[in-house]
Amino acid sequence: MAYLAYITMPDRENAMTVARVIVESRLAAGVNVLPGALSVYRWQGGVREAEECLLVAQVSRAAFSNFCNVVRRHHCHEVPCIVALSVEAGHTPFMRWIEENSLPLS
């Protein structure tokens, strides 16, 4: 089983750093970096707005726990947005690629 992991980052530079770390460590098979997101959210009793960068990572279920730990270590937010969306179906070769390239740390 695979996940698409949705992560918000404060800017492109931080997003690229995290994307490289998780792909180089083989915790994610790949990451899409989407700059230019505008976020409106509630934080510490107020409504905030921020420009952010979205990451969408292809992660195996087996690697997800390690993936979260590494993202948290490299993320600058106190409560980072890391959400896993289960992939119910997909192009079989692509799904196999995710499983082969997103591995738990040994």
PDB file of N, CA and C in Angstrom:
ATOM      1  N   MET A   1       0.837  -1.174   0.000  1.00  0.00           N
ATOM      2  CA  MET A   1       0.000   0.000   0.000  1.00  0.00           C
ATOM      3  C   MET A   1       0.878   1.232   0.000  1.00  0.00           C
ATOM      4  N   ALA A   2       0.399   2.275  -0.641  1.00  0.00           N
ATOM      5  CA  ALA A   2       1.160   3.514  -0.737  1.00  0.00           C
ATOM      6  C   ALA A   2       0.328   4.683  -0.242  1.00  0.00           C
ATOM      7  N   TYR A   3       1.032   5.743   0.114  1.00  0.00           N
ATOM      8  CA  TYR A   3       0.409   6.998   0.527  1.00  0.00           C
ATOM      9  C   TYR A   3       0.893   8.125  -0.373  1.00  0.00           C
ATOM     10  N   LEU A   4       0.049   9.122  -0.507  1.00  0.00           N
ATOM     11  CA  LEU A   4       0.491  10.437  -0.950  1.00  0.00           C
ATOM     12  C   LEU A   4       0.537  11.253   0.332  1.00  0.00           C
ATOM     13  N   ALA A   5       1.702  11.722   0.690  1.00  0.00           N
ATOM     14  CA  ALA A   5       1.874  12.506   1.910  1.00  0.00           C
ATOM     15  C   ALA A   5       1.878  13.975   1.540  1.00  0.00           C
ATOM     16  N   TYR A   6       1.015  14.723   2.194  1.00  0.00           N
ATOM     17  CA  TYR A   6       0.829  16.152   1.969  1.00  0.00           C
ATOM     18  C   TYR A   6       1.538  16.892   3.095  1.00  0.00           C
ATOM     19  N   ILE A   7       2.456  17.786   2.743  1.00  0.00           N
ATOM     20  CA  ILE A   7       3.235  18.529   3.730  1.00  0.00           C
ATOM     21  C   ILE A   7       3.246  19.994   3.302  1.00  0.00           C
ATOM     22  N   THR A   8       3.081  20.901   4.254  1.00  0.00           N
ATOM     23  CA  THR A   8       3.250  22.318   3.943  1.00  0.00           C
ATOM     24  C   THR A   8       4.589  22.785   4.500  1.00  0.00           C
ATOM     25  N   MET A   9       5.229  23.658   3.753  1.00  0.00           N
ATOM     26  CA  MET A   9       6.514  24.226   4.150  1.00  0.00           C
ATOM     27  C   MET A   9       6.431  25.739   3.996  1.00  0.00           C
ATOM     28  N   PRO A  10       7.215  26.496   4.782  1.00  0.00           N
ATOM     29  CA  PRO A  10       7.105  27.952   4.740  1.00  0.00           C
ATOM     30  C   PRO A  10       7.630  28.589   3.449  1.00  0.00           C
ATOM     31  N   ASP A  11       8.539  27.909   2.758  1.00  0.00           N
ATOM     32  CA  ASP A  11       9.092  28.499   1.531  1.00  0.00           C
ATOM     33  C   ASP A  11       9.745  27.420   0.666  1.00  0.00           C
ATOM     34  N   ARG A  12      10.115  27.815  -0.544  1.00  0.00           N
ATOM     35  CA  ARG A  12      10.686  26.874  -1.518  1.00  0.00           C
ATOM     36  C   ARG A  12      12.015  26.296  -1.040  1.00  0.00           C
ATOM     37  N   GLU A  13      12.856  27.115  -0.439  1.00  0.00           N
ATOM     38  CA  GLU A  13      14.168  26.649   0.011  1.00  0.00           C
ATOM     39  C   GLU A  13      14.026  25.515   1.037  1.00  0.00           C
ATOM     40  N   ASN A  14      13.186  25.711   2.050  1.00  0.00           N
ATOM     41  CA  ASN A  14      12.953  24.661   3.038  1.00  0.00           C
ATOM     42  C   ASN A  14      12.296  23.442   2.406  1.00  0.00           C
ATOM     43  N   ALA A  15      11.370  23.680   1.491  1.00  0.00           N
ATOM     44  CA  ALA A  15      10.681  22.575   0.818  1.00  0.00           C
ATOM     45  C   ALA A  15      11.674  21.718   0.033  1.00  0.00           C
ATOM     46  N   MET A  16      12.564  22.351  -0.693  1.00  0.00           N
ATOM     47  CA  MET A  16      13.545  21.602  -1.474  1.00  0.00           C
ATOM     48  C   MET A  16      14.510  20.835  -0.573  1.00  0.00           C
ATOM     49  N   THR A  17      14.888  21.419   0.548  1.00  0.00           N
ATOM     50  CA  THR A  17      15.771  20.729   1.488  1.00  0.00           C
ATOM     51  C   THR A  17      15.105  19.454   1.996  1.00  0.00           C
ATOM     52  N   VAL A  18      13.867  19.566   2.453  1.00  0.00           N
ATOM     53  CA  VAL A  18      13.155  18.395   2.971  1.00  0.00           C
ATOM     54  C   VAL A  18      12.924  17.378   1.857  1.00  0.00           C
ATOM     55  N   ALA A  19      12.542  17.831   0.678  1.00  0.00           N
ATOM     56  CA  ALA A  19      12.311  16.916  -0.447  1.00  0.00           C
ATOM     57  C   ALA A  19      13.579  16.112  -0.749  1.00  0.00           C
ATOM     58  N   ARG A  20      14.705  16.783  -0.813  1.00  0.00           N
ATOM     59  CA  ARG A  20      15.968  16.084  -1.098  1.00  0.00           C
ATOM     60  C   ARG A  20      16.315  15.070  -0.006  1.00  0.00           C
ATOM     61  N   VAL A  21      16.153  15.475   1.247  1.00  0.00           N
ATOM     62  CA  VAL A  21      16.497  14.583   2.367  1.00  0.00           C
ATOM     63  C   VAL A  21      15.656  13.313   2.316  1.00  0.00           C
ATOM     64  N   ILE A  22      14.344  13.440   2.114  1.00  0.00           N
ATOM     65  CA  ILE A  22      13.496  12.243   2.168  1.00  0.00           C
ATOM     66  C   ILE A  22      13.667  11.353   0.946  1.00  0.00           C
ATOM     67  N   VAL A  23      14.002  11.941  -0.204  1.00  0.00           N
ATOM     68  CA  VAL A  23      14.254  11.101  -1.388  1.00  0.00           C
ATOM     69  C   VAL A  23      15.643  10.468  -1.304  1.00  0.00           C
ATOM     70  N   GLU A  24      16.644  11.248  -0.903  1.00  0.00           N
ATOM     71  CA  GLU A  24      17.997  10.695  -0.790  1.00  0.00           C
ATOM     72  C   GLU A  24      18.074   9.577   0.248  1.00  0.00           C
ATOM     73  N   SER A  25      17.270   9.681   1.299  1.00  0.00           N
ATOM     74  CA  SER A  25      17.271   8.636   2.333  1.00  0.00           C
ATOM     75  C   SER A  25      16.345   7.476   1.983  1.00  0.00           C
ATOM     76  N   ARG A  26      15.709   7.529   0.813  1.00  0.00           N
ATOM     77  CA  ARG A  26      14.813   6.496   0.283  1.00  0.00           C
ATOM     78  C   ARG A  26      13.545   6.307   1.116  1.00  0.00           C
ATOM     79  N   LEU A  27      13.150   7.350   1.845  1.00  0.00           N
ATOM     80  CA  LEU A  27      11.894   7.286   2.591  1.00  0.00           C
ATOM     81  C   LEU A  27      10.705   7.648   1.705  1.00  0.00           C
ATOM     82  N   ALA A  28      10.952   8.395   0.655  1.00  0.00           N
ATOM     83  CA  ALA A  28       9.931   8.709  -0.348  1.00  0.00           C
ATOM     84  C   ALA A  28      10.501   8.362  -1.711  1.00  0.00           C
ATOM     85  N   ALA A  29       9.660   7.809  -2.556  1.00  0.00           N
ATOM     86  CA  ALA A  29      10.102   7.483  -3.914  1.00  0.00           C
ATOM     87  C   ALA A  29      10.284   8.757  -4.732  1.00  0.00           C
ATOM     88  N   GLY A  30       9.449   9.739  -4.483  1.00  0.00           N
ATOM     89  CA  GLY A  30       9.521  11.006  -5.184  1.00  0.00           C
ATOM     90  C   GLY A  30       8.721  12.056  -4.441  1.00  0.00           C
ATOM     91  N   VAL A  31       8.965  13.323  -4.782  1.00  0.00           N
ATOM     92  CA  VAL A  31       8.261  14.434  -4.151  1.00  0.00           C
ATOM     93  C   VAL A  31       7.957  15.484  -5.204  1.00  0.00           C
ATOM     94  N   ASN A  32       6.711  15.933  -5.233  1.00  0.00           N
ATOM     95  CA  ASN A  32       6.327  17.071  -6.059  1.00  0.00           C
ATOM     96  C   ASN A  32       6.375  18.313  -5.178  1.00  0.00           C
ATOM     97  N   VAL A  33       7.069  19.345  -5.628  1.00  0.00           N
ATOM     98  CA  VAL A  33       7.192  20.599  -4.890  1.00  0.00           C
ATOM     99  C   VAL A  33       6.341  21.637  -5.616  1.00  0.00           C
ATOM    100  N   LEU A  34       5.336  22.155  -4.897  1.00  0.00           N
ATOM    101  CA  LEU A  34       4.374  23.079  -5.490  1.00  0.00           C
ATOM    102  C   LEU A  34       4.436  24.425  -4.766  1.00  0.00           C
ATOM    103  N   PRO A  35       5.243  25.357  -5.255  1.00  0.00           N
ATOM    104  CA  PRO A  35       5.322  26.669  -4.610  1.00  0.00           C
ATOM    105  C   PRO A  35       4.068  27.498  -4.915  1.00  0.00           C
ATOM    106  N   GLY A  36       3.879  28.539  -4.140  1.00  0.00           N
ATOM    107  CA  GLY A  36       2.808  29.484  -4.431  1.00  0.00           C
ATOM    108  C   GLY A  36       1.476  29.199  -3.770  1.00  0.00           C
ATOM    109  N   ALA A  37       1.431  28.308  -2.784  1.00  0.00           N
ATOM    110  CA  ALA A  37       0.172  28.036  -2.082  1.00  0.00           C
ATOM    111  C   ALA A  37      -0.108  29.184  -1.114  1.00  0.00           C
ATOM    112  N   LEU A  38      -1.358  29.564  -1.030  1.00  0.00           N
ATOM    113  CA  LEU A  38      -1.790  30.560  -0.049  1.00  0.00           C
ATOM    114  C   LEU A  38      -2.613  29.829   0.997  1.00  0.00           C
ATOM    115  N   SER A  39      -2.205  29.928   2.237  1.00  0.00           N
ATOM    116  CA  SER A  39      -2.883  29.214   3.309  1.00  0.00           C
ATOM    117  C   SER A  39      -3.552  30.191   4.269  1.00  0.00           C
ATOM    118  N   VAL A  40      -4.747  29.840   4.696  1.00  0.00           N
ATOM    119  CA  VAL A  40      -5.468  30.553   5.742  1.00  0.00           C
ATOM    120  C   VAL A  40      -5.732  29.516   6.823  1.00  0.00           C
ATOM    121  N   TYR A  41      -5.310  29.793   8.049  1.00  0.00           N
ATOM    122  CA  TYR A  41      -5.402  28.783   9.092  1.00  0.00           C
ATOM    123  C   TYR A  41      -5.543  29.438  10.465  1.00  0.00           C
ATOM    124  N   ARG A  42      -6.017  28.672  11.405  1.00  0.00           N
ATOM    125  CA  ARG A  42      -6.132  29.139  12.785  1.00  0.00           C
ATOM    126  C   ARG A  42      -4.902  28.678  13.549  1.00  0.00           C
ATOM    127  N   TRP A  43      -4.257  29.603  14.270  1.00  0.00           N
ATOM    128  CA  TRP A  43      -3.077  29.265  15.063  1.00  0.00           C
ATOM    129  C   TRP A  43      -2.996  30.203  16.253  1.00  0.00           C
ATOM    130  N   GLN A  44      -2.833  29.638  17.441  1.00  0.00           N
ATOM    131  CA  GLN A  44      -2.661  30.377  18.684  1.00  0.00           C
ATOM    132  C   GLN A  44      -3.737  31.445  18.863  1.00  0.00           C
ATOM    133  N   GLY A  45      -4.985  31.033  18.636  1.00  0.00           N
ATOM    134  CA  GLY A  45      -6.129  31.891  18.901  1.00  0.00           C
ATOM    135  C   GLY A  45      -6.480  32.895  17.824  1.00  0.00           C
ATOM    136  N   GLY A  46      -5.765  32.900  16.730  1.00  0.00           N
ATOM    137  CA  GLY A  46      -6.054  33.858  15.667  1.00  0.00           C
ATOM    138  C   GLY A  46      -6.065  33.209  14.306  1.00  0.00           C
ATOM    139  N   VAL A  47      -6.589  33.939  13.349  1.00  0.00           N
ATOM    140  CA  VAL A  47      -6.584  33.477  11.963  1.00  0.00           C
ATOM    141  C   VAL A  47      -5.371  34.087  11.277  1.00  0.00           C
ATOM    142  N   ARG A  48      -4.599  33.239  10.648  1.00  0.00           N
ATOM    143  CA  ARG A  48      -3.358  33.664   9.997  1.00  0.00           C
ATOM    144  C   ARG A  48      -3.439  33.391   8.497  1.00  0.00           C
ATOM    145  N   GLU A  49      -2.615  34.090   7.762  1.00  0.00           N
ATOM    146  CA  GLU A  49      -2.465  33.857   6.329  1.00  0.00           C
ATOM    147  C   GLU A  49      -0.977  33.782   6.022  1.00  0.00           C
ATOM    148  N   ALA A  50      -0.620  32.885   5.113  1.00  0.00           N
ATOM    149  CA  ALA A  50       0.795  32.744   4.762  1.00  0.00           C
ATOM    150  C   ALA A  50       0.931  32.161   3.359  1.00  0.00           C
ATOM    151  N   GLU A  51       1.982  32.577   2.689  1.00  0.00           N
ATOM    152  CA  GLU A  51       2.376  31.911   1.452  1.00  0.00           C
ATOM    153  C   GLU A  51       3.206  30.709   1.872  1.00  0.00           C
ATOM    154  N   GLU A  52       2.910  29.588   1.274  1.00  0.00           N
ATOM    155  CA  GLU A  52       3.620  28.368   1.614  1.00  0.00           C
ATOM    156  C   GLU A  52       3.955  27.587   0.352  1.00  0.00           C
ATOM    157  N   CYS A  53       4.658  26.525   0.544  1.00  0.00           N
ATOM    158  CA  CYS A  53       5.012  25.598  -0.518  1.00  0.00           C
ATOM    159  C   CYS A  53       4.459  24.237  -0.108  1.00  0.00           C
ATOM    160  N   LEU A  54       3.809  23.546  -1.030  1.00  0.00           N
ATOM    161  CA  LEU A  54       3.269  22.223  -0.742  1.00  0.00           C
ATOM    162  C   LEU A  54       4.208  21.155  -1.262  1.00  0.00           C
ATOM    163  N   LEU A  55       4.329  20.100  -0.492  1.00  0.00           N
ATOM    164  CA  LEU A  55       5.033  18.906  -0.942  1.00  0.00           C
ATOM    165  C   LEU A  55       4.015  17.785  -1.020  1.00  0.00           C
ATOM    166  N   VAL A  56       4.073  17.021  -2.086  1.00  0.00           N
ATOM    167  CA  VAL A  56       3.274  15.804  -2.215  1.00  0.00           C
ATOM    168  C   VAL A  56       4.273  14.686  -2.473  1.00  0.00           C
ATOM    169  N   ALA A  57       4.417  13.806  -1.481  1.00  0.00           N
ATOM    170  CA  ALA A  57       5.422  12.749  -1.558  1.00  0.00           C
ATOM    171  C   ALA A  57       4.763  11.395  -1.760  1.00  0.00           C
ATOM    172  N   GLN A  58       5.411  10.539  -2.519  1.00  0.00           N
ATOM    173  CA  GLN A  58       4.953   9.167  -2.734  1.00  0.00           C
ATOM    174  C   GLN A  58       5.709   8.287  -1.745  1.00  0.00           C
ATOM    175  N   VAL A  59       4.964   7.726  -0.778  1.00  0.00           N
ATOM    176  CA  VAL A  59       5.573   7.025   0.343  1.00  0.00           C
ATOM    177  C   VAL A  59       4.910   5.665   0.530  1.00  0.00           C
ATOM    178  N   SER A  60       5.709   4.641   0.752  1.00  0.00           N
ATOM    179  CA  SER A  60       5.150   3.326   1.077  1.00  0.00           C
ATOM    180  C   SER A  60       4.631   3.335   2.511  1.00  0.00           C
ATOM    181  N   ARG A  61       3.681   2.484   2.773  1.00  0.00           N
ATOM    182  CA  ARG A  61       3.152   2.364   4.142  1.00  0.00           C
ATOM    183  C   ARG A  61       4.275   1.962   5.097  1.00  0.00           C
ATOM    184  N   ALA A  62       5.149   1.069   4.649  1.00  0.00           N
ATOM    185  CA  ALA A  62       6.236   0.577   5.499  1.00  0.00           C
ATOM    186  C   ALA A  62       7.191   1.689   5.924  1.00  0.00           C
ATOM    187  N   ALA A  63       7.365   2.703   5.087  1.00  0.00           N
ATOM    188  CA  ALA A  63       8.324   3.773   5.370  1.00  0.00           C
ATOM    189  C   ALA A  63       7.697   4.977   6.064  1.00  0.00           C
ATOM    190  N   PHE A  64       6.376   5.010   6.191  1.00  0.00           N
ATOM    191  CA  PHE A  64       5.711   6.245   6.633  1.00  0.00           C
ATOM    192  C   PHE A  64       6.134   6.718   8.020  1.00  0.00           C
ATOM    193  N   SER A  65       6.286   5.848   8.976  1.00  0.00           N
ATOM    194  CA  SER A  65       6.676   6.271  10.323  1.00  0.00           C
ATOM    195  C   SER A  65       8.046   6.940  10.313  1.00  0.00           C
ATOM    196  N   ASN A  66       9.025   6.313   9.657  1.00  0.00           N
ATOM    197  CA  ASN A  66      10.355   6.912   9.534  1.00  0.00           C
ATOM    198  C   ASN A  66      10.293   8.220   8.749  1.00  0.00           C
ATOM    199  N   PHE A  67       9.485   8.238   7.697  1.00  0.00           N
ATOM    200  CA  PHE A  67       9.279   9.431   6.878  1.00  0.00           C
ATOM    201  C   PHE A  67       8.833  10.596   7.771  1.00  0.00           C
ATOM    202  N   CYS A  68       7.813  10.372   8.607  1.00  0.00           N
ATOM    203  CA  CYS A  68       7.299  11.428   9.502  1.00  0.00           C
ATOM    204  C   CYS A  68       8.387  11.929  10.442  1.00  0.00           C
ATOM    205  N   ASN A  69       9.144  11.017  11.011  1.00  0.00           N
ATOM    206  CA  ASN A  69      10.206  11.409  11.943  1.00  0.00           C
ATOM    207  C   ASN A  69      11.246  12.298  11.272  1.00  0.00           C
ATOM    208  N   VAL A  70      11.645  11.952  10.065  1.00  0.00           N
ATOM    209  CA  VAL A  70      12.653  12.742   9.351  1.00  0.00           C
ATOM    210  C   VAL A  70      12.081  14.099   8.951  1.00  0.00           C
ATOM    211  N   VAL A  71      10.859  14.127   8.455  1.00  0.00           N
ATOM    212  CA  VAL A  71      10.244  15.414   8.098  1.00  0.00           C
ATOM    213  C   VAL A  71      10.165  16.310   9.336  1.00  0.00           C
ATOM    214  N   ARG A  72       9.714  15.769  10.457  1.00  0.00           N
ATOM    215  CA  ARG A  72       9.615  16.579  11.688  1.00  0.00           C
ATOM    216  C   ARG A  72      10.978  17.134  12.106  1.00  0.00           C
ATOM    217  N   ARG A  73      12.016  16.333  11.987  1.00  0.00           N
ATOM    218  CA  ARG A  73      13.361  16.790  12.365  1.00  0.00           C
ATOM    219  C   ARG A  73      13.835  17.960  11.505  1.00  0.00           C
ATOM    220  N   HIS A  74      13.426  17.985  10.234  1.00  0.00           N
ATOM    221  CA  HIS A  74      13.896  19.019   9.309  1.00  0.00           C
ATOM    222  C   HIS A  74      12.903  20.160   9.119  1.00  0.00           C
ATOM    223  N   HIS A  75      11.767  20.089   9.768  1.00  0.00           N
ATOM    224  CA  HIS A  75      10.719  21.096   9.582  1.00  0.00           C
ATOM    225  C   HIS A  75      10.874  22.194  10.619  1.00  0.00           C
ATOM    226  N   CYS A  76      10.614  23.431  10.227  1.00  0.00           N
ATOM    227  CA  CYS A  76      10.794  24.556  11.145  1.00  0.00           C
ATOM    228  C   CYS A  76       9.532  24.891  11.937  1.00  0.00           C
ATOM    229  N   HIS A  77       8.380  24.346  11.585  1.00  0.00           N
ATOM    230  CA  HIS A  77       7.146  24.653  12.315  1.00  0.00           C
ATOM    231  C   HIS A  77       7.032  23.815  13.581  1.00  0.00           C
ATOM    232  N   GLU A  78       6.411  24.385  14.586  1.00  0.00           N
ATOM    233  CA  GLU A  78       6.178  23.684  15.846  1.00  0.00           C
ATOM    234  C   GLU A  78       5.266  22.474  15.645  1.00  0.00           C
ATOM    235  N   VAL A  79       4.242  22.643  14.826  1.00  0.00           N
ATOM    236  CA  VAL A  79       3.294  21.566  14.511  1.00  0.00           C
ATOM    237  C   VAL A  79       3.214  21.452  12.986  1.00  0.00           C
ATOM    238  N   PRO A  80       4.120  20.705  12.378  1.00  0.00           N
ATOM    239  CA  PRO A  80       4.105  20.622  10.912  1.00  0.00           C
ATOM    240  C   PRO A  80       2.889  19.862  10.387  1.00  0.00           C
ATOM    241  N   CYS A  81       2.414  20.291   9.237  1.00  0.00           N
ATOM    242  CA  CYS A  81       1.328  19.595   8.544  1.00  0.00           C
ATOM    243  C   CYS A  81       1.937  18.421   7.786  1.00  0.00           C
ATOM    244  N   ILE A  82       1.644  17.219   8.254  1.00  0.00           N
ATOM    245  CA  ILE A  82       2.055  15.990   7.571  1.00  0.00           C
ATOM    246  C   ILE A  82       0.821  15.099   7.570  1.00  0.00           C
ATOM    247  N   VAL A  83       0.246  14.884   6.411  1.00  0.00           N
ATOM    248  CA  VAL A  83      -0.987  14.106   6.301  1.00  0.00           C
ATOM    249  C   VAL A  83      -0.785  13.029   5.244  1.00  0.00           C
ATOM    250  N   ALA A  84      -1.182  11.799   5.558  1.00  0.00           N
ATOM    251  CA  ALA A  84      -1.068  10.692   4.602  1.00  0.00           C
ATOM    252  C   ALA A  84      -2.442  10.384   4.022  1.00  0.00           C
ATOM    253  N   LEU A  85      -2.519  10.337   2.718  1.00  0.00           N
ATOM    254  CA  LEU A  85      -3.734   9.959   2.009  1.00  0.00           C
ATOM    255  C   LEU A  85      -3.482   8.609   1.354  1.00  0.00           C
ATOM    256  N   SER A  86      -4.274   7.607   1.711  1.00  0.00           N
ATOM    257  CA  SER A  86      -4.096   6.275   1.145  1.00  0.00           C
ATOM    258  C   SER A  86      -4.418   6.276  -0.339  1.00  0.00           C
ATOM    259  N   VAL A  87      -3.588   5.588  -1.085  1.00  0.00           N
ATOM    260  CA  VAL A  87      -3.832   5.423  -2.514  1.00  0.00           C
ATOM    261  C   VAL A  87      -4.538   4.084  -2.688  1.00  0.00           C
ATOM    262  N   GLU A  88      -5.788   4.120  -3.108  1.00  0.00           N
ATOM    263  CA  GLU A  88      -6.565   2.885  -3.274  1.00  0.00           C
ATOM    264  C   GLU A  88      -6.175   2.117  -4.520  1.00  0.00           C
ATOM    265  N   ALA A  89      -5.852   2.831  -5.569  1.00  0.00           N
ATOM    266  CA  ALA A  89      -5.500   2.183  -6.827  1.00  0.00           C
ATOM    267  C   ALA A  89      -4.574   3.111  -7.597  1.00  0.00           C
ATOM    268  N   GLY A  90      -3.846   2.540  -8.530  1.00  0.00           N
ATOM    269  CA  GLY A  90      -2.944   3.319  -9.357  1.00  0.00           C
ATOM    270  C   GLY A  90      -2.365   2.451 -10.451  1.00  0.00           C
ATOM    271  N   HIS A  91      -1.654   3.086 -11.347  1.00  0.00           N
ATOM    272  CA  HIS A  91      -0.970   2.383 -12.434  1.00  0.00           C
ATOM    273  C   HIS A  91       0.017   1.407 -11.793  1.00  0.00           C
ATOM    274  N   THR A  92      -0.150   0.135 -12.049  1.00  0.00           N
ATOM    275  CA  THR A  92       0.610  -0.910 -11.354  1.00  0.00           C
ATOM    276  C   THR A  92       2.120  -0.688 -11.387  1.00  0.00           C
ATOM    277  N   PRO A  93       2.729  -0.365 -12.522  1.00  0.00           N
ATOM    278  CA  PRO A  93       4.175  -0.125 -12.497  1.00  0.00           C
ATOM    279  C   PRO A  93       4.569   1.063 -11.603  1.00  0.00           C
ATOM    280  N   PHE A  94       3.745   2.095 -11.567  1.00  0.00           N
ATOM    281  CA  PHE A  94       4.037   3.246 -10.713  1.00  0.00           C
ATOM    282  C   PHE A  94       3.926   2.868  -9.240  1.00  0.00           C
ATOM    283  N   MET A  95       2.905   2.118  -8.896  1.00  0.00           N
ATOM    284  CA  MET A  95       2.723   1.684  -7.515  1.00  0.00           C
ATOM    285  C   MET A  95       3.891   0.793  -7.070  1.00  0.00           C
ATOM    286  N   ARG A  96       4.346  -0.062  -7.958  1.00  0.00           N
ATOM    287  CA  ARG A  96       5.504  -0.919  -7.666  1.00  0.00           C
ATOM    288  C   ARG A  96       6.749  -0.055  -7.466  1.00  0.00           C
ATOM    289  N   TRP A  97       6.919   0.990  -8.289  1.00  0.00           N
ATOM    290  CA  TRP A  97       8.050   1.913  -8.169  1.00  0.00           C
ATOM    291  C   TRP A  97       8.058   2.562  -6.778  1.00  0.00           C
ATOM    292  N   ILE A  98       6.881   2.968  -6.280  1.00  0.00           N
ATOM    293  CA  ILE A  98       6.810   3.555  -4.939  1.00  0.00           C
ATOM    294  C   ILE A  98       7.296   2.541  -3.901  1.00  0.00           C
ATOM    295  N   GLU A  99       6.770   1.332  -3.965  1.00  0.00           N
ATOM    296  CA  GLU A  99       7.141   0.298  -2.991  1.00  0.00           C
ATOM    297  C   GLU A  99       8.634  -0.022  -3.033  1.00  0.00           C
ATOM    298  N   GLU A 100       9.215  -0.012  -4.224  1.00  0.00           N
ATOM    299  CA  GLU A 100      10.640  -0.357  -4.380  1.00  0.00           C
ATOM    300  C   GLU A 100      11.569   0.793  -3.976  1.00  0.00           C
ATOM    301  N   ASN A 101      11.047   2.015  -3.934  1.00  0.00           N
ATOM    302  CA  ASN A 101      11.901   3.174  -3.702  1.00  0.00           C
ATOM    303  C   ASN A 101      11.551   3.986  -2.455  1.00  0.00           C
ATOM    304  N   SER A 102      10.675   3.458  -1.642  1.00  0.00           N
ATOM    305  CA  SER A 102      10.327   4.078  -0.361  1.00  0.00           C
ATOM    306  C   SER A 102      10.386   2.980   0.692  1.00  0.00           C
ATOM    307  N   LEU A 103      11.482   2.973   1.431  1.00  0.00           N
ATOM    308  CA  LEU A 103      11.774   1.851   2.334  1.00  0.00           C
ATOM    309  C   LEU A 103      11.955   2.344   3.765  1.00  0.00           C
ATOM    310  N   PRO A 104      11.540   1.535   4.742  1.00  0.00           N
ATOM    311  CA  PRO A 104      11.795   1.914   6.141  1.00  0.00           C
ATOM    312  C   PRO A 104      13.289   1.892   6.422  1.00  0.00           C
ATOM    313  N   LEU A 105      13.700   2.722   7.378  1.00  0.00           N
ATOM    314  CA  LEU A 105      15.111   2.730   7.771  1.00  0.00           C
ATOM    315  C   LEU A 105      15.445   1.424   8.455  1.00  0.00           C
ATOM    316  N   SER A 106      16.617   0.913   8.184  1.00  0.00           N
ATOM    317  CA  SER A 106      17.006  -0.361   8.816  1.00  0.00           C
ATOM    318  C   SER A 106      17.928  -0.149   9.975  1.00  0.00           C
TER     319      SER A 106
END
